[in-house]
Amino acid sequence: MANNDYPMPPHYPFINTQMMTARELREMLEDLWEWVHDAEMAHENVAPSDDLIQEIRQQMGVIIEERVERHSDEPGRSAE
């Protein structure tokens, strides 16, 4: 059973990828990845719901897509 006391992910739900710099996108992705990792490793008595973890993973996908889109027109550059 999920615990509602588990800390919410950083920046969630106020994420607007189009208004963020490349650095902010990278840092947010790192923060969210760390949260997902910790949430998945948390004991089931304190872990957030699987639905919330999946929602954050989907948000991470949106951030990655934005990073790829920004770098797609720059020769020799990748999203990383």
PDB file of N, CA and C in Angstrom:
ATOM      1  N   MET A   1       0.830  -1.179   0.000  1.00  0.00           N
ATOM      2  CA  MET A   1       0.000   0.000   0.000  1.00  0.00           C
ATOM      3  C   MET A   1       0.875   1.244   0.000  1.00  0.00           C
ATOM      4  N   ALA A   2       0.528   2.205  -0.806  1.00  0.00           N
ATOM      5  CA  ALA A   2       1.326   3.423  -0.953  1.00  0.00           C
ATOM      6  C   ALA A   2       1.084   4.362   0.222  1.00  0.00           C
ATOM      7  N   ASN A   3       2.099   5.122   0.541  1.00  0.00           N
ATOM      8  CA  ASN A   3       2.033   6.080   1.638  1.00  0.00           C
ATOM      9  C   ASN A   3       1.958   7.481   1.054  1.00  0.00           C
ATOM     10  N   ASN A   4       0.975   8.247   1.499  1.00  0.00           N
ATOM     11  CA  ASN A   4       0.816   9.611   1.007  1.00  0.00           C
ATOM     12  C   ASN A   4       1.837  10.561   1.603  1.00  0.00           C
ATOM     13  N   ASP A   5       2.631  10.092   2.571  1.00  0.00           N
ATOM     14  CA  ASP A   5       3.631  10.934   3.207  1.00  0.00           C
ATOM     15  C   ASP A   5       4.970  10.921   2.474  1.00  0.00           C
ATOM     16  N   TYR A   6       5.108  10.078   1.460  1.00  0.00           N
ATOM     17  CA  TYR A   6       6.369  10.037   0.716  1.00  0.00           C
ATOM     18  C   TYR A   6       6.555  11.390   0.030  1.00  0.00           C
ATOM     19  N   PRO A   7       7.750  11.963   0.061  1.00  0.00           N
ATOM     20  CA  PRO A   7       7.947  13.287  -0.543  1.00  0.00           C
ATOM     21  C   PRO A   7       7.611  13.286  -2.039  1.00  0.00           C
ATOM     22  N   MET A   8       6.950  14.333  -2.448  1.00  0.00           N
ATOM     23  CA  MET A   8       6.625  14.467  -3.869  1.00  0.00           C
ATOM     24  C   MET A   8       7.912  14.685  -4.659  1.00  0.00           C
ATOM     25  N   PRO A   9       7.878  14.361  -5.946  1.00  0.00           N
ATOM     26  CA  PRO A   9       9.064  14.580  -6.783  1.00  0.00           C
ATOM     27  C   PRO A   9       9.399  16.060  -6.870  1.00  0.00           C
ATOM     28  N   PRO A  10      10.660  16.376  -7.064  1.00  0.00           N
ATOM     29  CA  PRO A  10      11.049  17.785  -7.191  1.00  0.00           C
ATOM     30  C   PRO A  10      10.383  18.418  -8.410  1.00  0.00           C
ATOM     31  N   HIS A  11       9.942  19.647  -8.233  1.00  0.00           N
ATOM     32  CA  HIS A  11       9.383  20.449  -9.329  1.00  0.00           C
ATOM     33  C   HIS A  11       8.001  19.989  -9.786  1.00  0.00           C
ATOM     34  N   TYR A  12       7.514  18.907  -9.273  1.00  0.00           N
ATOM     35  CA  TYR A  12       6.257  18.331  -9.724  1.00  0.00           C
ATOM     36  C   TYR A  12       5.100  19.047  -9.063  1.00  0.00           C
ATOM     37  N   PRO A  13       4.040  19.386  -9.742  1.00  0.00           N
ATOM     38  CA  PRO A  13       3.718  19.191 -11.160  1.00  0.00           C
ATOM     39  C   PRO A  13       3.985  20.424 -12.011  1.00  0.00           C
ATOM     40  N   PHE A  14       4.815  21.332 -11.536  1.00  0.00           N
ATOM     41  CA  PHE A  14       5.028  22.612 -12.217  1.00  0.00           C
ATOM     42  C   PHE A  14       6.172  22.548 -13.213  1.00  0.00           C
ATOM     43  N   ILE A  15       6.050  21.691 -14.195  1.00  0.00           N
ATOM     44  CA  ILE A  15       7.110  21.515 -15.182  1.00  0.00           C
ATOM     45  C   ILE A  15       6.616  22.005 -16.539  1.00  0.00           C
ATOM     46  N   ASN A  16       7.299  23.022 -17.065  1.00  0.00           N
ATOM     47  CA  ASN A  16       6.991  23.533 -18.400  1.00  0.00           C
ATOM     48  C   ASN A  16       8.290  23.505 -19.194  1.00  0.00           C
ATOM     49  N   THR A  17       8.513  22.427 -19.915  1.00  0.00           N
ATOM     50  CA  THR A  17       9.800  22.213 -20.582  1.00  0.00           C
ATOM     51  C   THR A  17      10.133  23.283 -21.612  1.00  0.00           C
ATOM     52  N   GLN A  18       9.138  23.872 -22.226  1.00  0.00           N
ATOM     53  CA  GLN A  18       9.396  24.868 -23.266  1.00  0.00           C
ATOM     54  C   GLN A  18       9.901  26.195 -22.695  1.00  0.00           C
ATOM     55  N   MET A  19       9.707  26.398 -21.401  1.00  0.00           N
ATOM     56  CA  MET A  19      10.146  27.642 -20.773  1.00  0.00           C
ATOM     57  C   MET A  19      11.458  27.470 -20.014  1.00  0.00           C
ATOM     58  N   MET A  20      12.095  26.335 -20.174  1.00  0.00           N
ATOM     59  CA  MET A  20      13.296  26.043 -19.412  1.00  0.00           C
ATOM     60  C   MET A  20      14.536  26.087 -20.295  1.00  0.00           C
ATOM     61  N   THR A  21      15.660  26.442 -19.674  1.00  0.00           N
ATOM     62  CA  THR A  21      16.929  26.411 -20.390  1.00  0.00           C
ATOM     63  C   THR A  21      17.399  24.965 -20.511  1.00  0.00           C
ATOM     64  N   ALA A  22      18.372  24.741 -21.369  1.00  0.00           N
ATOM     65  CA  ALA A  22      18.936  23.399 -21.533  1.00  0.00           C
ATOM     66  C   ALA A  22      19.517  22.904 -20.207  1.00  0.00           C
ATOM     67  N   ARG A  23      20.155  23.789 -19.475  1.00  0.00           N
ATOM     68  CA  ARG A  23      20.730  23.410 -18.186  1.00  0.00           C
ATOM     69  C   ARG A  23      19.626  23.018 -17.195  1.00  0.00           C
ATOM     70  N   GLU A  24      18.559  23.796 -17.146  1.00  0.00           N
ATOM     71  CA  GLU A  24      17.448  23.478 -16.249  1.00  0.00           C
ATOM     72  C   GLU A  24      16.831  22.129 -16.601  1.00  0.00           C
ATOM     73  N   LEU A  25      16.700  21.852 -17.894  1.00  0.00           N
ATOM     74  CA  LEU A  25      16.158  20.563 -18.322  1.00  0.00           C
ATOM     75  C   LEU A  25      17.042  19.416 -17.851  1.00  0.00           C
ATOM     76  N   ARG A  26      18.338  19.574 -18.034  1.00  0.00           N
ATOM     77  CA  ARG A  26      19.279  18.532 -17.622  1.00  0.00           C
ATOM     78  C   ARG A  26      19.220  18.313 -16.123  1.00  0.00           C
ATOM     79  N   GLU A  27      19.233  19.404 -15.359  1.00  0.00           N
ATOM     80  CA  GLU A  27      19.209  19.286 -13.907  1.00  0.00           C
ATOM     81  C   GLU A  27      17.897  18.685 -13.414  1.00  0.00           C
ATOM     82  N   MET A  28      16.781  19.069 -14.027  1.00  0.00           N
ATOM     83  CA  MET A  28      15.497  18.517 -13.630  1.00  0.00           C
ATOM     84  C   MET A  28      15.436  17.031 -13.930  1.00  0.00           C
ATOM     85  N   LEU A  29      15.947  16.639 -15.081  1.00  0.00           N
ATOM     86  CA  LEU A  29      15.961  15.223 -15.435  1.00  0.00           C
ATOM     87  C   LEU A  29      16.778  14.433 -14.413  1.00  0.00           C
ATOM     88  N   GLU A  30      17.917  14.966 -14.012  1.00  0.00           N
ATOM     89  CA  GLU A  30      18.739  14.305 -13.004  1.00  0.00           C
ATOM     90  C   GLU A  30      17.998  14.205 -11.675  1.00  0.00           C
ATOM     91  N   ASP A  31      17.324  15.286 -11.265  1.00  0.00           N
ATOM     92  CA  ASP A  31      16.563  15.281 -10.011  1.00  0.00           C
ATOM     93  C   ASP A  31      15.443  14.249 -10.052  1.00  0.00           C
ATOM     94  N   LEU A  32      14.712  14.209 -11.165  1.00  0.00           N
ATOM     95  CA  LEU A  32      13.601  13.266 -11.283  1.00  0.00           C
ATOM     96  C   LEU A  32      14.105  11.822 -11.326  1.00  0.00           C
ATOM     97  N   TRP A  33      15.215  11.611 -12.025  1.00  0.00           N
ATOM     98  CA  TRP A  33      15.780  10.263 -12.084  1.00  0.00           C
ATOM     99  C   TRP A  33      16.163   9.794 -10.681  1.00  0.00           C
ATOM    100  N   GLU A  34      16.772  10.669  -9.897  1.00  0.00           N
ATOM    101  CA  GLU A  34      17.158  10.311  -8.532  1.00  0.00           C
ATOM    102  C   GLU A  34      15.918  10.005  -7.688  1.00  0.00           C
ATOM    103  N   TRP A  35      14.857  10.803  -7.846  1.00  0.00           N
ATOM    104  CA  TRP A  35      13.625  10.565  -7.100  1.00  0.00           C
ATOM    105  C   TRP A  35      13.022   9.215  -7.466  1.00  0.00           C
ATOM    106  N   VAL A  36      12.961   8.911  -8.762  1.00  0.00           N
ATOM    107  CA  VAL A  36      12.398   7.629  -9.205  1.00  0.00           C
ATOM    108  C   VAL A  36      13.210   6.472  -8.632  1.00  0.00           C
ATOM    109  N   HIS A  37      14.513   6.581  -8.711  1.00  0.00           N
ATOM    110  CA  HIS A  37      15.378   5.522  -8.165  1.00  0.00           C
ATOM    111  C   HIS A  37      15.091   5.310  -6.680  1.00  0.00           C
ATOM    112  N   ASP A  38      15.077   6.398  -5.903  1.00  0.00           N
ATOM    113  CA  ASP A  38      14.830   6.296  -4.469  1.00  0.00           C
ATOM    114  C   ASP A  38      13.424   5.760  -4.192  1.00  0.00           C
ATOM    115  N   ALA A  39      12.443   6.216  -4.960  1.00  0.00           N
ATOM    116  CA  ALA A  39      11.057   5.779  -4.760  1.00  0.00           C
ATOM    117  C   ALA A  39      10.912   4.286  -5.036  1.00  0.00           C
ATOM    118  N   GLU A  40      11.589   3.815  -6.073  1.00  0.00           N
ATOM    119  CA  GLU A  40      11.509   2.388  -6.404  1.00  0.00           C
ATOM    120  C   GLU A  40      12.238   1.521  -5.374  1.00  0.00           C
ATOM    121  N   MET A  41      13.229   2.092  -4.704  1.00  0.00           N
ATOM    122  CA  MET A  41      13.984   1.351  -3.703  1.00  0.00           C
ATOM    123  C   MET A  41      13.358   1.441  -2.311  1.00  0.00           C
ATOM    124  N   ALA A  42      12.408   2.343  -2.131  1.00  0.00           N
ATOM    125  CA  ALA A  42      11.792   2.532  -0.822  1.00  0.00           C
ATOM    126  C   ALA A  42      10.982   1.296  -0.436  1.00  0.00           C
ATOM    127  N   HIS A  43      10.921   1.051   0.849  1.00  0.00           N
ATOM    128  CA  HIS A  43      10.117  -0.060   1.361  1.00  0.00           C
ATOM    129  C   HIS A  43       8.667   0.165   0.967  1.00  0.00           C
ATOM    130  N   GLU A  44       7.966  -0.905   0.683  1.00  0.00           N
ATOM    131  CA  GLU A  44       6.590  -0.786   0.188  1.00  0.00           C
ATOM    132  C   GLU A  44       5.663  -0.068   1.155  1.00  0.00           C
ATOM    133  N   ASN A  45       6.010  -0.026   2.432  1.00  0.00           N
ATOM    134  CA  ASN A  45       5.175   0.677   3.410  1.00  0.00           C
ATOM    135  C   ASN A  45       5.268   2.188   3.288  1.00  0.00           C
ATOM    136  N   VAL A  46       6.330   2.687   2.679  1.00  0.00           N
ATOM    137  CA  VAL A  46       6.498   4.140   2.557  1.00  0.00           C
ATOM    138  C   VAL A  46       6.585   4.603   1.105  1.00  0.00           C
ATOM    139  N   ALA A  47       6.700   3.696   0.193  1.00  0.00           N
ATOM    140  CA  ALA A  47       6.884   4.041  -1.225  1.00  0.00           C
ATOM    141  C   ALA A  47       5.648   4.733  -1.800  1.00  0.00           C
ATOM    142  N   PRO A  48       5.862   5.632  -2.766  1.00  0.00           N
ATOM    143  CA  PRO A  48       4.720   6.238  -3.454  1.00  0.00           C
ATOM    144  C   PRO A  48       4.049   5.208  -4.356  1.00  0.00           C
ATOM    145  N   SER A  49       2.906   5.548  -4.871  1.00  0.00           N
ATOM    146  CA  SER A  49       2.173   4.613  -5.719  1.00  0.00           C
ATOM    147  C   SER A  49       2.923   4.352  -7.019  1.00  0.00           C
ATOM    148  N   ASP A  50       2.697   3.179  -7.579  1.00  0.00           N
ATOM    149  CA  ASP A  50       3.291   2.847  -8.869  1.00  0.00           C
ATOM    150  C   ASP A  50       2.793   3.796  -9.948  1.00  0.00           C
ATOM    151  N   ASP A  51       1.559   4.263  -9.820  1.00  0.00           N
ATOM    152  CA  ASP A  51       1.010   5.206 -10.795  1.00  0.00           C
ATOM    153  C   ASP A  51       1.779   6.523 -10.794  1.00  0.00           C
ATOM    154  N   LEU A  52       2.130   7.020  -9.605  1.00  0.00           N
ATOM    155  CA  LEU A  52       2.899   8.261  -9.531  1.00  0.00           C
ATOM    156  C   LEU A  52       4.285   8.063 -10.121  1.00  0.00           C
ATOM    157  N   ILE A  53       4.914   6.950  -9.809  1.00  0.00           N
ATOM    158  CA  ILE A  53       6.245   6.678 -10.377  1.00  0.00           C
ATOM    159  C   ILE A  53       6.158   6.625 -11.896  1.00  0.00           C
ATOM    160  N   GLN A  54       5.136   5.973 -12.431  1.00  0.00           N
ATOM    161  CA  GLN A  54       4.969   5.897 -13.885  1.00  0.00           C
ATOM    162  C   GLN A  54       4.725   7.278 -14.476  1.00  0.00           C
ATOM    163  N   GLU A  55       3.953   8.094 -13.793  1.00  0.00           N
ATOM    164  CA  GLU A  55       3.688   9.452 -14.272  1.00  0.00           C
ATOM    165  C   GLU A  55       4.981  10.273 -14.337  1.00  0.00           C
ATOM    166  N   ILE A  56       5.830  10.111 -13.342  1.00  0.00           N
ATOM    167  CA  ILE A  56       7.108  10.827 -13.337  1.00  0.00           C
ATOM    168  C   ILE A  56       8.013  10.302 -14.447  1.00  0.00           C
ATOM    169  N   ARG A  57       8.002   9.006 -14.695  1.00  0.00           N
ATOM    170  CA  ARG A  57       8.775   8.453 -15.814  1.00  0.00           C
ATOM    171  C   ARG A  57       8.292   9.035 -17.152  1.00  0.00           C
ATOM    172  N   GLN A  58       6.990   9.205 -17.290  1.00  0.00           N
ATOM    173  CA  GLN A  58       6.461   9.813 -18.517  1.00  0.00           C
ATOM    174  C   GLN A  58       6.914  11.265 -18.634  1.00  0.00           C
ATOM    175  N   GLN A  59       6.928  11.989 -17.518  1.00  0.00           N
ATOM    176  CA  GLN A  59       7.410  13.373 -17.536  1.00  0.00           C
ATOM    177  C   GLN A  59       8.880  13.417 -17.923  1.00  0.00           C
ATOM    178  N   MET A  60       9.652  12.450 -17.438  1.00  0.00           N
ATOM    179  CA  MET A  60      11.061  12.375 -17.816  1.00  0.00           C
ATOM    180  C   MET A  60      11.185  12.190 -19.324  1.00  0.00           C
ATOM    181  N   GLY A  61      10.295  11.393 -19.908  1.00  0.00           N
ATOM    182  CA  GLY A  61      10.296  11.200 -21.361  1.00  0.00           C
ATOM    183  C   GLY A  61      10.032  12.503 -22.102  1.00  0.00           C
ATOM    184  N   VAL A  62       9.131  13.325 -21.575  1.00  0.00           N
ATOM    185  CA  VAL A  62       8.843  14.627 -22.183  1.00  0.00           C
ATOM    186  C   VAL A  62      10.086  15.512 -22.132  1.00  0.00           C
ATOM    187  N   ILE A  63      10.785  15.490 -21.013  1.00  0.00           N
ATOM    188  CA  ILE A  63      12.006  16.287 -20.875  1.00  0.00           C
ATOM    189  C   ILE A  63      13.060  15.808 -21.865  1.00  0.00           C
ATOM    190  N   ILE A  64      13.225  14.510 -21.986  1.00  0.00           N
ATOM    191  CA  ILE A  64      14.206  13.956 -22.937  1.00  0.00           C
ATOM    192  C   ILE A  64      13.843  14.354 -24.362  1.00  0.00           C
ATOM    193  N   GLU A  65      12.561  14.261 -24.715  1.00  0.00           N
ATOM    194  CA  GLU A  65      12.130  14.660 -26.058  1.00  0.00           C
ATOM    195  C   GLU A  65      12.453  16.131 -26.324  1.00  0.00           C
ATOM    196  N   GLU A  66      12.235  16.983 -25.345  1.00  0.00           N
ATOM    197  CA  GLU A  66      12.542  18.414 -25.498  1.00  0.00           C
ATOM    198  C   GLU A  66      14.036  18.622 -25.698  1.00  0.00           C
ATOM    199  N   ARG A  67      14.840  17.908 -24.945  1.00  0.00           N
ATOM    200  CA  ARG A  67      16.296  18.039 -25.084  1.00  0.00           C
ATOM    201  C   ARG A  67      16.749  17.567 -26.465  1.00  0.00           C
ATOM    202  N   VAL A  68      16.196  16.459 -26.922  1.00  0.00           N
ATOM    203  CA  VAL A  68      16.558  15.940 -28.246  1.00  0.00           C
ATOM    204  C   VAL A  68      16.134  16.927 -29.329  1.00  0.00           C
ATOM    205  N   GLU A  69      14.925  17.457 -29.206  1.00  0.00           N
ATOM    206  CA  GLU A  69      14.411  18.414 -30.194  1.00  0.00           C
ATOM    207  C   GLU A  69      15.302  19.655 -30.275  1.00  0.00           C
ATOM    208  N   ARG A  70      15.736  20.143 -29.165  1.00  0.00           N
ATOM    209  CA  ARG A  70      16.583  21.346 -29.153  1.00  0.00           C
ATOM    210  C   ARG A  70      17.924  21.116 -29.823  1.00  0.00           C
ATOM    211  N   HIS A  71      18.431  19.909 -29.721  1.00  0.00           N
ATOM    212  CA  HIS A  71      19.759  19.631 -30.275  1.00  0.00           C
ATOM    213  C   HIS A  71      19.706  18.987 -31.658  1.00  0.00           C
ATOM    214  N   SER A  72      18.530  18.699 -32.155  1.00  0.00           N
ATOM    215  CA  SER A  72      18.420  17.977 -33.423  1.00  0.00           C
ATOM    216  C   SER A  72      18.908  18.792 -34.614  1.00  0.00           C
ATOM    217  N   ASP A  73      18.873  20.110 -34.509  1.00  0.00           N
ATOM    218  CA  ASP A  73      19.302  20.939 -35.637  1.00  0.00           C
ATOM    219  C   ASP A  73      20.741  21.420 -35.502  1.00  0.00           C
ATOM    220  N   GLU A  74      21.457  20.945 -34.487  1.00  0.00           N
ATOM    221  CA  GLU A  74      22.841  21.328 -34.290  1.00  0.00           C
ATOM    222  C   GLU A  74      23.753  20.184 -34.715  1.00  0.00           C
ATOM    223  N   PRO A  75      24.502  20.362 -35.805  1.00  0.00           N
ATOM    224  CA  PRO A  75      25.388  19.290 -36.258  1.00  0.00           C
ATOM    225  C   PRO A  75      26.432  18.944 -35.195  1.00  0.00           C
ATOM    226  N   GLY A  76      26.614  17.658 -35.004  1.00  0.00           N
ATOM    227  CA  GLY A  76      27.625  17.195 -34.066  1.00  0.00           C
ATOM    228  C   GLY A  76      27.208  17.223 -32.619  1.00  0.00           C
ATOM    229  N   ARG A  77      25.943  17.554 -32.342  1.00  0.00           N
ATOM    230  CA  ARG A  77      25.455  17.620 -30.958  1.00  0.00           C
ATOM    231  C   ARG A  77      24.447  16.525 -30.712  1.00  0.00           C
ATOM    232  N   SER A  78      24.412  16.069 -29.493  1.00  0.00           N
ATOM    233  CA  SER A  78      23.391  15.112 -29.063  1.00  0.00           C
ATOM    234  C   SER A  78      22.698  15.690 -27.843  1.00  0.00           C
ATOM    235  N   ALA A  79      21.669  15.026 -27.349  1.00  0.00           N
ATOM    236  CA  ALA A  79      20.927  15.504 -26.181  1.00  0.00           C
ATOM    237  C   ALA A  79      21.768  15.434 -24.918  1.00  0.00           C
ATOM    238  N   GLU A  80      22.802  14.691 -24.914  1.00  0.00           N
ATOM    239  CA  GLU A  80      23.680  14.609 -23.745  1.00  0.00           C
ATOM    240  C   GLU A  80      24.827  15.504 -23.999  1.00  0.00           C
TER     241      GLU A  80
END
